[in-house]
N, C-alpha and C. Protein backbone atom coordinates (compact mmCIF):
# COMPACT_ATOMS: atom_id res chain seq x y z
N MET A 1 114.00 58.93 96.40
CA MET A 1 113.48 60.05 95.41
C MET A 1 112.20 60.11 93.41
N VAL A 2 113.62 58.72 93.17
CA VAL A 2 112.92 58.31 92.28
C VAL A 2 111.68 57.32 92.30
N ALA A 3 111.28 56.75 93.08
CA ALA A 3 109.53 55.77 93.74
C ALA A 3 108.71 57.45 93.43
N LYS A 4 108.73 58.13 94.37
CA LYS A 4 108.53 59.36 94.43
C LYS A 4 108.28 60.05 93.10
N GLY A 5 109.11 60.43 91.89
CA GLY A 5 108.79 60.48 90.90
C GLY A 5 108.32 59.39 89.65
N ARG A 6 108.37 58.83 89.72
CA ARG A 6 107.38 57.55 89.16
C ARG A 6 105.85 57.49 90.22
N GLU A 7 105.06 57.58 91.06
CA GLU A 7 104.59 58.39 91.29
C GLU A 7 103.68 59.10 90.67
N GLN A 8 104.65 60.11 91.26
CA GLN A 8 103.11 61.57 90.23
C GLN A 8 103.48 61.48 88.70
N GLU A 9 104.61 60.94 87.83
CA GLU A 9 104.51 60.22 86.09
C GLU A 9 103.01 59.65 86.44
N GLN A 10 103.20 58.51 87.09
CA GLN A 10 101.89 57.39 86.93
C GLN A 10 100.32 58.80 87.23
N ALA A 11 100.22 59.12 88.62
CA ALA A 11 99.38 59.80 88.25
C ALA A 11 98.93 61.10 86.90
N LYS A 12 99.83 61.71 87.20
CA LYS A 12 99.72 62.34 86.19
C LYS A 12 99.15 61.76 84.41
N GLU A 13 99.49 60.84 83.49
CA GLU A 13 98.89 59.73 82.60
C GLU A 13 97.19 59.01 83.87
N GLU A 14 97.73 58.94 84.61
CA GLU A 14 95.87 58.83 84.52
C GLU A 14 94.69 59.75 84.38
N GLN A 15 95.59 61.01 84.87
CA GLN A 15 94.81 62.31 84.78
C GLN A 15 94.53 62.59 83.55
N GLN A 16 95.90 62.60 82.47
CA GLN A 16 94.97 62.77 81.81
C GLN A 16 94.71 61.34 80.76
N GLN A 17 94.75 59.95 80.70
CA GLN A 17 93.33 59.37 80.43
C GLN A 17 92.70 59.83 80.66
N GLN A 18 92.16 59.94 82.24
CA GLN A 18 90.31 60.75 82.33
C GLN A 18 90.28 61.72 81.60
N GLU A 19 90.52 62.70 80.71
CA GLU A 19 90.61 63.67 80.16
C GLU A 19 90.25 63.25 78.94
N GLU A 20 91.07 62.14 78.58
CA GLU A 20 90.72 61.18 77.50
C GLU A 20 89.30 60.64 77.18
N GLU A 21 89.07 60.26 78.37
CA GLU A 21 87.44 59.30 78.24
C GLU A 21 86.48 60.70 78.51
N GLN A 22 86.85 62.03 78.98
CA GLN A 22 85.87 63.41 79.25
C GLN A 22 85.64 64.14 78.72
N ARG A 23 86.69 63.59 77.30
CA ARG A 23 86.37 64.92 76.27
C ARG A 23 85.00 64.51 75.36
N VAL A 24 85.17 66.55 75.57
CA VAL A 24 83.80 67.00 75.32
C VAL A 24 83.75 67.24 74.02
N TYR A 25 82.34 66.61 72.94
CA TYR A 25 83.00 67.31 71.81
C TYR A 25 81.95 68.05 71.64
N LEU A 26 82.65 69.17 70.75
CA LEU A 26 81.43 70.53 70.56
C LEU A 26 79.29 70.09 69.30
N VAL A 27 78.81 70.95 69.34
CA VAL A 27 77.47 69.98 68.66
C VAL A 27 78.35 69.84 67.58
N THR A 28 78.74 71.76 67.21
CA THR A 28 79.50 72.25 65.67
C THR A 28 80.28 70.78 65.08
N GLU A 29 80.94 69.92 66.09
CA GLU A 29 82.02 69.54 65.19
C GLU A 29 80.97 68.05 63.86
N GLY A 30 82.02 68.62 63.56
CA GLY A 30 81.60 67.66 61.83
C GLY A 30 80.88 68.29 61.46
N HIS A 31 80.35 69.02 60.99
CA HIS A 31 79.07 68.84 60.12
C HIS A 31 79.70 70.75 58.81
N ARG A 32 78.95 69.92 57.43
CA ARG A 32 79.37 70.24 56.58
C ARG A 32 78.24 71.81 56.71
N SER A 33 77.20 72.45 56.89
CA SER A 33 77.02 73.49 56.90
C SER A 33 76.75 73.62 57.87
N LYS A 34 77.17 75.34 57.70
CA LYS A 34 77.05 75.93 58.74
C LYS A 34 75.50 76.98 59.10
N HIS A 35 74.70 76.62 58.55
CA HIS A 35 73.23 77.10 59.11
C HIS A 35 73.13 75.38 59.96
N THR A 36 73.60 74.46 60.52
CA THR A 36 73.50 73.04 60.84
C THR A 36 73.47 73.52 62.01
N SER A 37 75.17 73.57 61.60
CA SER A 37 76.10 74.34 63.03
C SER A 37 75.44 74.35 64.06
N ALA A 38 74.58 75.97 63.74
CA ALA A 38 74.55 76.82 64.46
C ALA A 38 73.11 76.79 64.74
N SER A 39 72.08 75.58 64.01
CA SER A 39 71.07 75.02 64.17
C SER A 39 71.30 74.48 65.81
N TYR A 40 72.64 73.53 65.96
CA TYR A 40 72.97 72.51 66.04
C TYR A 40 72.78 73.46 67.86
N GLN A 41 73.98 74.19 68.10
CA GLN A 41 74.42 75.46 69.36
C GLN A 41 73.95 75.95 69.68
N SER A 42 72.06 76.55 69.10
CA SER A 42 71.88 77.06 69.99
C SER A 42 70.43 76.15 70.55
N ALA A 43 69.92 74.76 69.48
CA ALA A 43 69.54 73.69 70.21
C ALA A 43 70.21 74.04 71.90
N PHE A 44 71.41 73.25 72.10
CA PHE A 44 72.52 72.71 72.77
C PHE A 44 71.98 74.00 73.37
N LYS A 45 71.87 74.89 73.79
CA LYS A 45 71.58 75.73 74.48
C LYS A 45 70.50 76.34 75.12
N HIS A 46 69.80 76.30 74.81
CA HIS A 46 68.71 75.67 75.29
C HIS A 46 68.35 74.06 76.41
N PHE A 47 68.85 73.67 75.52
CA PHE A 47 69.14 72.31 75.85
C PHE A 47 69.93 72.44 77.45
N LYS A 48 70.98 72.63 77.73
CA LYS A 48 71.09 73.24 78.63
C LYS A 48 70.59 74.13 80.06
N LYS A 49 70.46 75.40 79.18
CA LYS A 49 70.05 75.86 80.31
C LYS A 49 68.11 75.23 80.49
N TYR A 50 67.58 74.56 80.30
CA TYR A 50 65.98 73.76 79.90
C TYR A 50 66.98 72.69 81.95
N MET A 51 68.18 72.67 81.50
CA MET A 51 67.77 71.55 81.70
C MET A 51 69.26 71.40 83.70
N GLN A 52 69.27 73.03 83.91
CA GLN A 52 69.82 73.86 84.19
C GLN A 52 71.90 72.80 84.35
N ILE A 53 72.33 72.72 82.96
CA ILE A 53 73.77 72.39 83.02
C ILE A 53 74.77 73.86 83.30
N GLU A 54 75.55 74.02 83.55
CA GLU A 54 76.64 75.07 82.68
C GLU A 54 77.63 74.38 82.53
N ASP A 55 78.31 72.96 83.24
CA ASP A 55 79.58 72.55 82.09
C ASP A 55 79.39 71.48 81.57
N GLU A 56 79.77 70.59 80.41
CA GLU A 56 78.71 69.93 79.15
C GLU A 56 79.26 68.66 79.82
N ARG A 57 80.30 68.55 80.59
CA ARG A 57 81.10 67.80 81.50
C ARG A 57 80.32 66.97 81.69
N ILE A 58 79.29 66.74 82.86
CA ILE A 58 78.82 66.08 83.86
C ILE A 58 77.44 65.62 82.17
N LEU A 59 77.06 65.82 81.66
CA LEU A 59 76.28 65.36 80.56
C LEU A 59 77.28 63.94 80.15
N ALA A 60 78.31 63.89 80.24
CA ALA A 60 79.02 62.75 80.09
C ALA A 60 78.94 61.40 80.48
N ASN A 61 78.27 61.81 82.18
CA ASN A 61 78.46 60.94 83.52
C ASN A 61 76.68 61.01 83.05
N LEU A 62 75.92 61.43 82.69
CA LEU A 62 73.96 60.84 82.20
C LEU A 62 74.44 59.68 81.76
N LYS A 63 72.62 58.97 82.08
CA LYS A 63 73.12 56.93 80.64
C LYS A 63 72.49 58.23 79.67
N THR A 64 71.82 57.33 78.74
CA THR A 64 71.34 58.07 77.30
C THR A 64 70.40 58.33 77.49
N SER A 65 69.06 57.78 78.07
CA SER A 65 67.76 57.68 78.89
C SER A 65 67.73 58.82 79.47
N VAL A 66 68.23 58.99 80.79
CA VAL A 66 67.80 60.79 81.12
C VAL A 66 67.79 61.55 79.88
N ILE A 67 69.40 61.91 79.42
CA ILE A 67 69.28 62.56 78.20
C ILE A 67 67.82 63.02 76.82
N GLU A 68 67.77 62.09 77.11
CA GLU A 68 66.52 61.66 76.48
C GLU A 68 64.95 61.69 76.82
N GLN A 69 64.99 61.41 78.28
CA GLN A 69 63.91 61.74 79.39
C GLN A 69 64.04 63.65 78.92
């Protein structure tokens, strides 16, 4: 029983670590201007549509050069 509990706890910790590593930052975070936030949000929406991406977490797995192209 104790070993099973440790395995579950370790699996939970690993899942939390993966989620933290893959945190998706909103394009509207960190801007002082509401206009800048709105512009970034709009541009990002068009970028996702063009790239046919629905889940932003996919971008975390792409290399910068791929995104820039």
